[in-house]
Amino acid sequence: MSATGTAASAAQASTSASSSEEKVLVLDFGSQTAQLIARRVRDQNVFCQIVRHDLTADRIRELKPKGLILSGGPASVYGEGSPKVDPKIFELGIPVLGICYGMQITCYSLGGRILPAHSREFGRSPCSLRETAAGNPLFQGIPSTFTAWMSHGDQVELLTGDYESIASTATCPNAAMRHRTLPIY
């Protein structure tokens, strides 16, 4: 076997080993960026699989992911026939990151209130971290003000007592949030 073949085999074995140990599932709510999200996770040498949004908590437990990402999507959580998530996924102890609709359905499923935004956001928007974000690994290495891509007509209006806002924009007071004791963002 050539040196190139040996290196390729070693790299493949290394990737296979890390892939079996680390897996992230992207629950797809119809986002145009689900593929991009998965690619960015894979860029970190983590196996990532895009799955249906309606997987049960039992099925997710069987798949043994290290984390869940709930994608965005065009629906409103209050819309007729809007995609829902099994609320038991939040009891699995697996880190959950909700993006756009994914954050809204997370908050809605756990008692938060989602309302139409006073002002729709679309495109680049200055986003500011709140003091509550200090030391939070989600924003480690991110400046206190950064540019975020926002695309929403609804927003999280009320967080339950278990959540706190950790970032905001000029028109979205809860642009990012976290659960106080569970790994839910």
N, C-alpha and C. Protein backbone atom coordinates (compact mmCIF):
# COMPACT_ATOMS: atom_id res chain seq x y z
N MET A 1 0.86 -1.18 0.00
CA MET A 1 0.00 0.00 0.00
C MET A 1 0.89 1.23 0.00
N SER A 2 0.52 2.22 -0.78
CA SER A 2 1.30 3.45 -0.86
C SER A 2 1.13 4.29 0.40
N ALA A 3 2.04 5.25 0.59
CA ALA A 3 1.93 6.15 1.73
C ALA A 3 0.63 6.94 1.67
N THR A 4 0.23 7.31 0.46
CA THR A 4 -1.02 8.06 0.29
C THR A 4 -2.21 7.20 0.70
N GLY A 5 -2.20 5.93 0.28
CA GLY A 5 -3.28 5.02 0.64
C GLY A 5 -3.33 4.77 2.14
N THR A 6 -2.16 4.66 2.78
CA THR A 6 -2.10 4.46 4.22
C THR A 6 -2.66 5.67 4.96
N ALA A 7 -2.27 6.86 4.52
CA ALA A 7 -2.75 8.08 5.16
C ALA A 7 -4.27 8.21 4.99
N ALA A 8 -4.76 7.88 3.79
CA ALA A 8 -6.20 7.97 3.55
C ALA A 8 -6.95 6.96 4.42
N SER A 9 -6.40 5.74 4.55
CA SER A 9 -7.04 4.72 5.39
C SER A 9 -7.05 5.14 6.84
N ALA A 10 -5.95 5.72 7.30
CA ALA A 10 -5.87 6.19 8.69
C ALA A 10 -6.87 7.31 8.93
N ALA A 11 -6.96 8.24 7.98
CA ALA A 11 -7.90 9.35 8.12
C ALA A 11 -9.34 8.84 8.14
N GLN A 12 -9.62 7.85 7.27
CA GLN A 12 -10.97 7.30 7.22
C GLN A 12 -11.29 6.58 8.52
N ALA A 13 -10.34 5.82 9.06
CA ALA A 13 -10.55 5.11 10.32
C ALA A 13 -10.77 6.10 11.45
N SER A 14 -9.99 7.19 11.45
CA SER A 14 -10.14 8.22 12.47
C SER A 14 -11.51 8.87 12.38
N THR A 15 -11.94 9.19 11.17
CA THR A 15 -13.26 9.82 10.98
C THR A 15 -14.36 8.86 11.39
N SER A 16 -14.23 7.58 11.05
CA SER A 16 -15.24 6.60 11.42
C SER A 16 -15.33 6.46 12.92
N ALA A 17 -14.18 6.46 13.60
CA ALA A 17 -14.19 6.33 15.05
C ALA A 17 -14.87 7.53 15.69
N SER A 18 -14.52 8.76 15.23
CA SER A 18 -15.14 9.93 15.84
C SER A 18 -16.61 10.03 15.46
N SER A 19 -16.97 9.57 14.26
CA SER A 19 -18.36 9.63 13.83
C SER A 19 -19.24 8.74 14.69
N SER A 20 -18.73 7.57 15.08
CA SER A 20 -19.54 6.67 15.88
C SER A 20 -19.65 7.18 17.32
N GLU A 21 -18.71 8.01 17.74
CA GLU A 21 -18.75 8.54 19.09
C GLU A 21 -19.54 9.84 19.18
N GLU A 22 -19.50 10.65 18.12
CA GLU A 22 -20.18 11.94 18.12
C GLU A 22 -21.17 12.00 16.97
N LYS A 23 -22.43 12.27 17.33
CA LYS A 23 -23.47 12.38 16.31
C LYS A 23 -24.39 13.51 16.73
N VAL A 24 -24.70 14.38 15.79
CA VAL A 24 -25.66 15.45 16.01
C VAL A 24 -26.80 15.25 15.03
N LEU A 25 -28.02 15.38 15.52
CA LEU A 25 -29.19 15.30 14.66
C LEU A 25 -29.75 16.70 14.44
N VAL A 26 -30.07 17.01 13.18
CA VAL A 26 -30.75 18.25 12.85
C VAL A 26 -32.21 17.88 12.57
N LEU A 27 -33.11 18.31 13.44
CA LEU A 27 -34.54 18.09 13.21
C LEU A 27 -35.00 19.18 12.26
N ASP A 28 -35.46 18.77 11.08
CA ASP A 28 -35.76 19.69 9.99
C ASP A 28 -37.22 20.13 10.02
N PHE A 29 -37.42 21.44 10.22
CA PHE A 29 -38.75 22.03 10.22
C PHE A 29 -39.03 22.76 8.91
N GLY A 30 -38.27 22.46 7.87
CA GLY A 30 -38.48 23.07 6.57
C GLY A 30 -37.56 24.23 6.27
N SER A 31 -36.50 24.35 7.01
CA SER A 31 -35.56 25.46 6.81
C SER A 31 -34.84 25.35 5.48
N GLN A 32 -34.60 26.50 4.87
CA GLN A 32 -33.79 26.53 3.66
C GLN A 32 -32.32 26.30 3.99
N THR A 33 -31.96 26.39 5.27
CA THR A 33 -30.55 26.29 5.65
C THR A 33 -30.22 25.00 6.40
N ALA A 34 -31.12 24.03 6.44
CA ALA A 34 -30.84 22.78 7.16
C ALA A 34 -29.57 22.10 6.64
N GLN A 35 -29.40 22.08 5.32
CA GLN A 35 -28.20 21.47 4.74
C GLN A 35 -26.94 22.23 5.15
N LEU A 36 -27.02 23.55 5.17
CA LEU A 36 -25.88 24.37 5.57
C LEU A 36 -25.54 24.13 7.05
N ILE A 37 -26.55 24.04 7.89
CA ILE A 37 -26.32 23.76 9.31
C ILE A 37 -25.59 22.44 9.46
N ALA A 38 -26.08 21.41 8.78
CA ALA A 38 -25.45 20.09 8.87
C ALA A 38 -24.02 20.13 8.35
N ARG A 39 -23.80 20.87 7.27
CA ARG A 39 -22.44 20.96 6.73
C ARG A 39 -21.50 21.62 7.72
N ARG A 40 -21.95 22.66 8.38
CA ARG A 40 -21.10 23.36 9.36
C ARG A 40 -20.76 22.45 10.53
N VAL A 41 -21.69 21.61 10.93
CA VAL A 41 -21.40 20.63 12.00
C VAL A 41 -20.37 19.63 11.49
N ARG A 42 -20.56 19.15 10.27
CA ARG A 42 -19.62 18.19 9.69
C ARG A 42 -18.23 18.80 9.51
N ASP A 43 -18.18 20.12 9.26
CA ASP A 43 -16.89 20.80 9.15
C ASP A 43 -16.09 20.69 10.45
N GLN A 44 -16.76 20.40 11.54
CA GLN A 44 -16.10 20.23 12.84
C GLN A 44 -15.76 18.75 13.10
N ASN A 45 -15.83 17.95 12.04
CA ASN A 45 -15.55 16.51 12.11
C ASN A 45 -16.51 15.77 13.04
N VAL A 46 -17.75 16.19 13.00
CA VAL A 46 -18.81 15.53 13.78
C VAL A 46 -19.83 15.00 12.78
N PHE A 47 -20.22 13.75 12.95
CA PHE A 47 -21.23 13.16 12.08
C PHE A 47 -22.56 13.88 12.34
N CYS A 48 -23.22 14.27 11.29
CA CYS A 48 -24.47 15.01 11.41
C CYS A 48 -25.49 14.45 10.44
N GLN A 49 -26.69 14.24 10.94
CA GLN A 49 -27.74 13.65 10.13
C GLN A 49 -28.99 14.54 10.21
N ILE A 50 -29.57 14.86 9.06
CA ILE A 50 -30.82 15.61 9.02
C ILE A 50 -31.96 14.60 9.09
N VAL A 51 -32.87 14.83 10.04
CA VAL A 51 -33.99 13.90 10.26
C VAL A 51 -35.31 14.67 10.30
N ARG A 52 -36.39 13.93 10.25
CA ARG A 52 -37.73 14.54 10.35
C ARG A 52 -37.89 15.23 11.70
N HIS A 53 -38.69 16.28 11.71
CA HIS A 53 -38.92 17.02 12.95
C HIS A 53 -39.76 16.24 13.96
N ASP A 54 -40.49 15.24 13.51
CA ASP A 54 -41.43 14.55 14.39
C ASP A 54 -40.91 13.22 14.94
N LEU A 55 -39.60 13.05 14.98
CA LEU A 55 -39.06 11.84 15.62
C LEU A 55 -39.48 11.84 17.09
N THR A 56 -39.81 10.68 17.61
CA THR A 56 -40.17 10.59 19.02
C THR A 56 -38.92 10.65 19.89
N ALA A 57 -39.13 10.99 21.14
CA ALA A 57 -38.02 11.00 22.10
C ALA A 57 -37.40 9.61 22.20
N ASP A 58 -38.23 8.57 22.15
CA ASP A 58 -37.70 7.20 22.22
C ASP A 58 -36.78 6.91 21.05
N ARG A 59 -37.17 7.34 19.84
CA ARG A 59 -36.33 7.10 18.66
C ARG A 59 -35.02 7.88 18.76
N ILE A 60 -35.10 9.10 19.22
CA ILE A 60 -33.89 9.91 19.39
C ILE A 60 -32.97 9.25 20.41
N ARG A 61 -33.53 8.74 21.49
CA ARG A 61 -32.72 8.04 22.50
C ARG A 61 -32.01 6.84 21.88
N GLU A 62 -32.69 6.10 21.00
CA GLU A 62 -32.10 4.95 20.31
C GLU A 62 -30.92 5.37 19.44
N LEU A 63 -31.02 6.53 18.81
CA LEU A 63 -29.97 7.01 17.90
C LEU A 63 -28.74 7.54 18.66
N LYS A 64 -28.90 7.84 19.94
CA LYS A 64 -27.81 8.26 20.83
C LYS A 64 -27.01 9.46 20.33
N PRO A 65 -27.69 10.55 19.95
CA PRO A 65 -26.92 11.72 19.53
C PRO A 65 -26.30 12.43 20.72
N LYS A 66 -25.25 13.17 20.45
CA LYS A 66 -24.62 14.01 21.47
C LYS A 66 -25.31 15.36 21.56
N GLY A 67 -26.08 15.71 20.52
CA GLY A 67 -26.78 16.98 20.51
C GLY A 67 -27.87 17.01 19.46
N LEU A 68 -28.81 17.93 19.65
CA LEU A 68 -29.91 18.13 18.71
C LEU A 68 -29.91 19.58 18.27
N ILE A 69 -30.15 19.80 16.99
CA ILE A 69 -30.35 21.14 16.48
C ILE A 69 -31.74 21.15 15.86
N LEU A 70 -32.59 22.06 16.31
CA LEU A 70 -33.92 22.22 15.74
C LEU A 70 -33.84 23.36 14.75
N SER A 71 -34.04 23.05 13.47
CA SER A 71 -33.84 24.04 12.41
C SER A 71 -34.94 25.08 12.42
N GLY A 72 -34.75 26.08 11.59
CA GLY A 72 -35.80 27.06 11.34
C GLY A 72 -36.82 26.49 10.39
N GLY A 73 -37.74 27.33 9.99
CA GLY A 73 -38.76 26.91 9.04
C GLY A 73 -39.73 28.05 8.80
N PRO A 74 -40.57 27.92 7.78
CA PRO A 74 -41.45 29.01 7.40
C PRO A 74 -42.74 29.12 8.23
N ALA A 75 -43.04 28.15 9.07
CA ALA A 75 -44.31 28.12 9.78
C ALA A 75 -44.32 29.03 11.01
N SER A 76 -45.52 29.23 11.52
CA SER A 76 -45.72 29.88 12.82
C SER A 76 -46.15 28.78 13.78
N VAL A 77 -45.67 28.81 15.02
CA VAL A 77 -46.01 27.75 15.97
C VAL A 77 -47.52 27.65 16.18
N TYR A 78 -48.26 28.73 15.94
CA TYR A 78 -49.70 28.73 16.12
C TYR A 78 -50.46 28.38 14.84
N GLY A 79 -49.75 28.24 13.74
CA GLY A 79 -50.41 27.97 12.46
C GLY A 79 -51.06 26.60 12.43
N GLU A 80 -52.19 26.51 11.73
CA GLU A 80 -52.87 25.23 11.59
C GLU A 80 -51.96 24.26 10.85
N GLY A 81 -51.74 23.10 11.44
CA GLY A 81 -50.89 22.08 10.83
C GLY A 81 -49.40 22.37 10.93
N SER A 82 -49.04 23.36 11.76
CA SER A 82 -47.60 23.68 11.88
C SER A 82 -46.86 22.50 12.50
N PRO A 83 -45.61 22.32 12.11
CA PRO A 83 -44.84 21.18 12.64
C PRO A 83 -44.59 21.33 14.14
N LYS A 84 -44.76 20.24 14.84
CA LYS A 84 -44.53 20.19 16.29
C LYS A 84 -43.38 19.24 16.57
N VAL A 85 -42.96 19.24 17.81
CA VAL A 85 -41.87 18.38 18.26
C VAL A 85 -42.36 17.61 19.48
N ASP A 86 -41.85 16.41 19.66
CA ASP A 86 -42.18 15.63 20.87
C ASP A 86 -41.57 16.36 22.06
N PRO A 87 -42.36 16.92 22.96
CA PRO A 87 -41.80 17.68 24.07
C PRO A 87 -40.92 16.85 25.01
N LYS A 88 -41.02 15.54 24.93
CA LYS A 88 -40.18 14.68 25.78
C LYS A 88 -38.71 14.72 25.37
N ILE A 89 -38.40 15.27 24.16
CA ILE A 89 -36.99 15.37 23.78
C ILE A 89 -36.22 16.29 24.72
N PHE A 90 -36.93 17.22 25.35
CA PHE A 90 -36.27 18.16 26.25
C PHE A 90 -35.97 17.54 27.61
N GLU A 91 -36.45 16.32 27.83
CA GLU A 91 -36.20 15.60 29.08
C GLU A 91 -35.08 14.58 28.93
N LEU A 92 -34.49 14.46 27.74
CA LEU A 92 -33.47 13.44 27.48
C LEU A 92 -32.10 13.81 28.04
N GLY A 93 -31.89 15.07 28.40
CA GLY A 93 -30.58 15.50 28.88
C GLY A 93 -29.58 15.75 27.77
N ILE A 94 -30.04 15.74 26.53
CA ILE A 94 -29.19 15.98 25.37
C ILE A 94 -29.19 17.48 25.09
N PRO A 95 -28.04 18.08 24.84
CA PRO A 95 -28.04 19.50 24.48
C PRO A 95 -28.91 19.76 23.25
N VAL A 96 -29.71 20.84 23.32
CA VAL A 96 -30.62 21.22 22.24
C VAL A 96 -30.34 22.67 21.86
N LEU A 97 -30.15 22.91 20.56
CA LEU A 97 -30.00 24.25 20.03
C LEU A 97 -31.14 24.50 19.06
N GLY A 98 -32.00 25.45 19.37
CA GLY A 98 -33.09 25.83 18.49
C GLY A 98 -32.71 27.06 17.69
N ILE A 99 -32.87 26.99 16.38
CA ILE A 99 -32.54 28.12 15.51
C ILE A 99 -33.84 28.61 14.88
N CYS A 100 -34.16 29.88 15.08
CA CYS A 100 -35.34 30.52 14.51
C CYS A 100 -36.60 29.76 14.93
N TYR A 101 -37.32 29.12 14.00
CA TYR A 101 -38.52 28.36 14.36
C TYR A 101 -38.17 27.31 15.42
N GLY A 102 -36.98 26.74 15.33
CA GLY A 102 -36.57 25.74 16.32
C GLY A 102 -36.54 26.30 17.74
N MET A 103 -36.09 27.55 17.90
CA MET A 103 -36.11 28.19 19.21
C MET A 103 -37.55 28.50 19.62
N GLN A 104 -38.35 28.95 18.66
CA GLN A 104 -39.74 29.27 18.97
C GLN A 104 -40.51 28.03 19.41
N ILE A 105 -40.35 26.92 18.71
CA ILE A 105 -41.09 25.70 19.07
C ILE A 105 -40.58 25.14 20.40
N THR A 106 -39.29 25.33 20.69
CA THR A 106 -38.74 24.92 21.99
C THR A 106 -39.44 25.69 23.10
N CYS A 107 -39.44 27.01 22.99
CA CYS A 107 -40.07 27.84 24.03
C CYS A 107 -41.56 27.56 24.13
N TYR A 108 -42.23 27.45 23.00
CA TYR A 108 -43.67 27.18 22.97
C TYR A 108 -43.97 25.83 23.64
N SER A 109 -43.19 24.81 23.33
CA SER A 109 -43.40 23.47 23.88
C SER A 109 -43.20 23.44 25.39
N LEU A 110 -42.42 24.38 25.90
CA LEU A 110 -42.11 24.39 27.33
C LEU A 110 -42.78 25.54 28.07
N GLY A 111 -43.86 26.08 27.47
CA GLY A 111 -44.68 27.06 28.18
C GLY A 111 -44.44 28.52 27.84
N GLY A 112 -43.54 28.82 26.93
CA GLY A 112 -43.30 30.21 26.54
C GLY A 112 -44.39 30.71 25.61
N ARG A 113 -44.38 32.01 25.36
CA ARG A 113 -45.39 32.61 24.48
C ARG A 113 -44.70 33.20 23.26
N ILE A 114 -45.22 32.87 22.09
CA ILE A 114 -44.71 33.36 20.81
C ILE A 114 -45.77 34.27 20.22
N LEU A 115 -45.36 35.44 19.76
CA LEU A 115 -46.30 36.39 19.17
C LEU A 115 -45.74 36.93 17.86
N PRO A 116 -46.62 37.45 17.00
CA PRO A 116 -46.10 38.13 15.81
C PRO A 116 -45.20 39.29 16.24
N ALA A 117 -44.09 39.43 15.56
CA ALA A 117 -43.14 40.50 15.89
C ALA A 117 -43.75 41.85 15.55
N HIS A 118 -43.41 42.87 16.33
CA HIS A 118 -43.85 44.23 16.03
C HIS A 118 -43.23 44.69 14.71
N SER A 119 -42.03 44.17 14.45
CA SER A 119 -41.32 44.51 13.23
C SER A 119 -40.62 43.25 12.74
N ARG A 120 -40.98 42.79 11.54
CA ARG A 120 -40.32 41.61 10.97
C ARG A 120 -38.86 41.92 10.72
N GLU A 121 -38.03 40.93 10.95
CA GLU A 121 -36.60 41.09 10.66
C GLU A 121 -36.23 40.16 9.52
N PHE A 122 -35.45 40.67 8.60
CA PHE A 122 -34.91 39.84 7.54
C PHE A 122 -33.57 40.42 7.12
N GLY A 123 -32.56 39.59 7.21
CA GLY A 123 -31.23 40.02 6.80
C GLY A 123 -30.31 40.24 7.97
N ARG A 124 -29.22 40.92 7.68
CA ARG A 124 -28.21 41.18 8.70
C ARG A 124 -28.76 42.15 9.74
N SER A 125 -28.47 41.83 11.01
CA SER A 125 -28.95 42.67 12.10
C SER A 125 -27.92 42.67 13.21
N PRO A 126 -27.60 43.85 13.76
CA PRO A 126 -26.69 43.88 14.91
C PRO A 126 -27.34 43.17 16.09
N CYS A 127 -26.62 42.28 16.70
CA CYS A 127 -27.11 41.49 17.83
C CYS A 127 -26.17 41.72 19.01
N SER A 128 -26.73 41.94 20.17
CA SER A 128 -25.93 42.23 21.36
C SER A 128 -26.13 41.16 22.42
N LEU A 129 -25.02 40.72 22.98
CA LEU A 129 -25.10 39.77 24.09
C LEU A 129 -25.52 40.51 25.35
N ARG A 130 -26.30 39.84 26.16
CA ARG A 130 -26.68 40.40 27.46
C ARG A 130 -25.66 39.94 28.50
N GLU A 131 -25.69 40.56 29.66
CA GLU A 131 -24.79 40.16 30.74
C GLU A 131 -25.00 38.70 31.11
N THR A 132 -26.22 38.18 30.92
CA THR A 132 -26.53 36.79 31.25
C THR A 132 -25.78 35.80 30.36
N ALA A 133 -25.19 36.29 29.26
CA ALA A 133 -24.43 35.41 28.36
C ALA A 133 -23.00 35.20 28.83
N ALA A 134 -22.57 35.97 29.80
CA ALA A 134 -21.17 35.87 30.27
C ALA A 134 -20.84 34.45 30.71
N GLY A 135 -19.74 33.94 30.19
CA GLY A 135 -19.29 32.59 30.54
C GLY A 135 -20.06 31.48 29.86
N ASN A 136 -21.03 31.81 29.04
CA ASN A 136 -21.83 30.79 28.38
C ASN A 136 -21.06 30.23 27.19
N PRO A 137 -20.90 28.90 27.12
CA PRO A 137 -20.12 28.31 26.03
C PRO A 137 -20.71 28.54 24.64
N LEU A 138 -22.00 28.81 24.54
CA LEU A 138 -22.62 29.04 23.24
C LEU A 138 -22.00 30.25 22.54
N PHE A 139 -21.63 31.27 23.31
CA PHE A 139 -21.08 32.48 22.71
C PHE A 139 -19.60 32.69 23.03
N GLN A 140 -18.93 31.63 23.41
CA GLN A 140 -17.50 31.72 23.71
C GLN A 140 -16.74 32.20 22.47
N GLY A 141 -15.94 33.26 22.65
CA GLY A 141 -15.15 33.79 21.55
C GLY A 141 -15.91 34.74 20.64
N ILE A 142 -17.17 35.01 20.93
CA ILE A 142 -17.99 35.91 20.12
C ILE A 142 -17.96 37.30 20.77
N PRO A 143 -17.76 38.36 19.98
CA PRO A 143 -17.76 39.70 20.57
C PRO A 143 -19.14 40.05 21.15
N SER A 144 -19.18 41.03 22.05
CA SER A 144 -20.44 41.38 22.72
C SER A 144 -21.49 41.92 21.74
N THR A 145 -21.06 42.48 20.62
CA THR A 145 -21.97 42.88 19.55
C THR A 145 -21.46 42.25 18.26
N PHE A 146 -22.34 41.61 17.54
CA PHE A 146 -21.97 40.92 16.30
C PHE A 146 -23.13 41.02 15.33
N THR A 147 -22.87 40.66 14.09
CA THR A 147 -23.92 40.66 13.07
C THR A 147 -24.52 39.27 12.96
N ALA A 148 -25.84 39.21 13.07
CA ALA A 148 -26.56 37.94 12.95
C ALA A 148 -27.50 38.02 11.76
N TRP A 149 -27.83 36.85 11.18
CA TRP A 149 -28.80 36.79 10.11
C TRP A 149 -30.14 36.50 10.76
N MET A 150 -31.08 37.41 10.59
CA MET A 150 -32.40 37.25 11.20
C MET A 150 -33.43 37.10 10.08
N SER A 151 -34.37 36.18 10.27
CA SER A 151 -35.42 35.98 9.30
C SER A 151 -36.64 35.43 10.03
N HIS A 152 -37.48 36.32 10.52
CA HIS A 152 -38.64 35.86 11.28
C HIS A 152 -39.75 36.90 11.29
N GLY A 153 -40.98 36.40 11.40
CA GLY A 153 -42.14 37.25 11.56
C GLY A 153 -42.70 37.13 12.96
N ASP A 154 -42.46 35.98 13.61
CA ASP A 154 -42.85 35.76 15.01
C ASP A 154 -41.60 35.85 15.87
N GLN A 155 -41.81 36.03 17.16
CA GLN A 155 -40.67 35.99 18.07
C GLN A 155 -41.13 35.54 19.45
N VAL A 156 -40.16 35.10 20.24
CA VAL A 156 -40.45 34.68 21.60
C VAL A 156 -40.74 35.95 22.41
N GLU A 157 -41.97 36.05 22.87
CA GLU A 157 -42.40 37.23 23.63
C GLU A 157 -42.19 37.05 25.12
N LEU A 158 -42.47 35.83 25.60
CA LEU A 158 -42.39 35.58 27.04
C LEU A 158 -41.67 34.27 27.28
N LEU A 159 -40.65 34.33 28.10
CA LEU A 159 -39.93 33.13 28.50
C LEU A 159 -40.47 32.69 29.85
N THR A 160 -40.55 31.38 30.08
CA THR A 160 -40.95 30.90 31.40
C THR A 160 -39.80 31.15 32.36
N GLY A 161 -40.04 30.97 33.64
CA GLY A 161 -39.06 31.25 34.68
C GLY A 161 -37.76 30.45 34.57
N ASP A 162 -37.79 29.34 33.84
CA ASP A 162 -36.60 28.51 33.70
C ASP A 162 -35.63 29.04 32.65
N TYR A 163 -36.05 30.06 31.89
CA TYR A 163 -35.25 30.57 30.79
C TYR A 163 -34.82 32.00 31.03
N GLU A 164 -33.72 32.37 30.39
CA GLU A 164 -33.30 33.76 30.42
C GLU A 164 -32.81 34.14 29.03
N SER A 165 -33.05 35.40 28.69
CA SER A 165 -32.60 35.94 27.42
C SER A 165 -31.10 36.19 27.51
N ILE A 166 -30.37 35.80 26.46
CA ILE A 166 -28.92 36.02 26.47
C ILE A 166 -28.43 36.87 25.31
N ALA A 167 -29.33 37.23 24.37
CA ALA A 167 -28.96 38.13 23.29
C ALA A 167 -30.22 38.80 22.74
N SER A 168 -30.03 39.99 22.15
CA SER A 168 -31.16 40.72 21.60
C SER A 168 -30.72 41.54 20.40
N THR A 169 -31.72 41.93 19.60
CA THR A 169 -31.50 42.90 18.53
C THR A 169 -32.37 44.11 18.87
N ALA A 170 -32.34 45.13 18.04
CA ALA A 170 -33.12 46.34 18.30
C ALA A 170 -34.62 46.05 18.36
N THR A 171 -35.09 45.05 17.61
CA THR A 171 -36.53 44.77 17.58
C THR A 171 -36.90 43.40 18.14
N CYS A 172 -35.93 42.63 18.58
CA CYS A 172 -36.19 41.28 19.09
C CYS A 172 -35.48 41.11 20.45
N PRO A 173 -36.22 41.31 21.55
CA PRO A 173 -35.59 41.26 22.87
C PRO A 173 -35.08 39.89 23.28
N ASN A 174 -35.59 38.84 22.65
CA ASN A 174 -35.16 37.48 22.98
C ASN A 174 -34.60 36.79 21.74
N ALA A 175 -33.54 37.35 21.17
CA ALA A 175 -32.94 36.77 19.96
C ALA A 175 -32.24 35.46 20.27
N ALA A 176 -31.78 35.28 21.50
CA ALA A 176 -31.19 34.02 21.96
C ALA A 176 -31.56 33.85 23.42
N MET A 177 -31.74 32.61 23.82
CA MET A 177 -32.11 32.32 25.20
C MET A 177 -31.44 31.04 25.63
N ARG A 178 -31.47 30.81 26.93
CA ARG A 178 -30.97 29.54 27.46
C ARG A 178 -31.80 29.12 28.65
N HIS A 179 -31.85 27.83 28.87
CA HIS A 179 -32.49 27.28 30.06
C HIS A 179 -31.49 27.44 31.20
N ARG A 180 -31.96 27.77 32.36
CA ARG A 180 -31.06 28.03 33.50
C ARG A 180 -30.32 26.78 33.99
N THR A 181 -30.93 25.59 33.87
CA THR A 181 -30.29 24.39 34.42
C THR A 181 -30.09 23.26 33.41
N LEU A 182 -30.80 23.29 32.29
CA LEU A 182 -30.68 22.23 31.29
C LEU A 182 -29.90 22.76 30.07
N PRO A 183 -29.30 21.88 29.29
CA PRO A 183 -28.54 22.32 28.11
C PRO A 183 -29.45 22.60 26.93
N ILE A 184 -30.31 23.60 27.09
CA ILE A 184 -31.27 23.97 26.04
C ILE A 184 -31.05 25.43 25.70
N TYR A 185 -30.84 25.69 24.41
CA TYR A 185 -30.59 27.06 23.91
C TYR A 185 -31.55 27.37 22.78
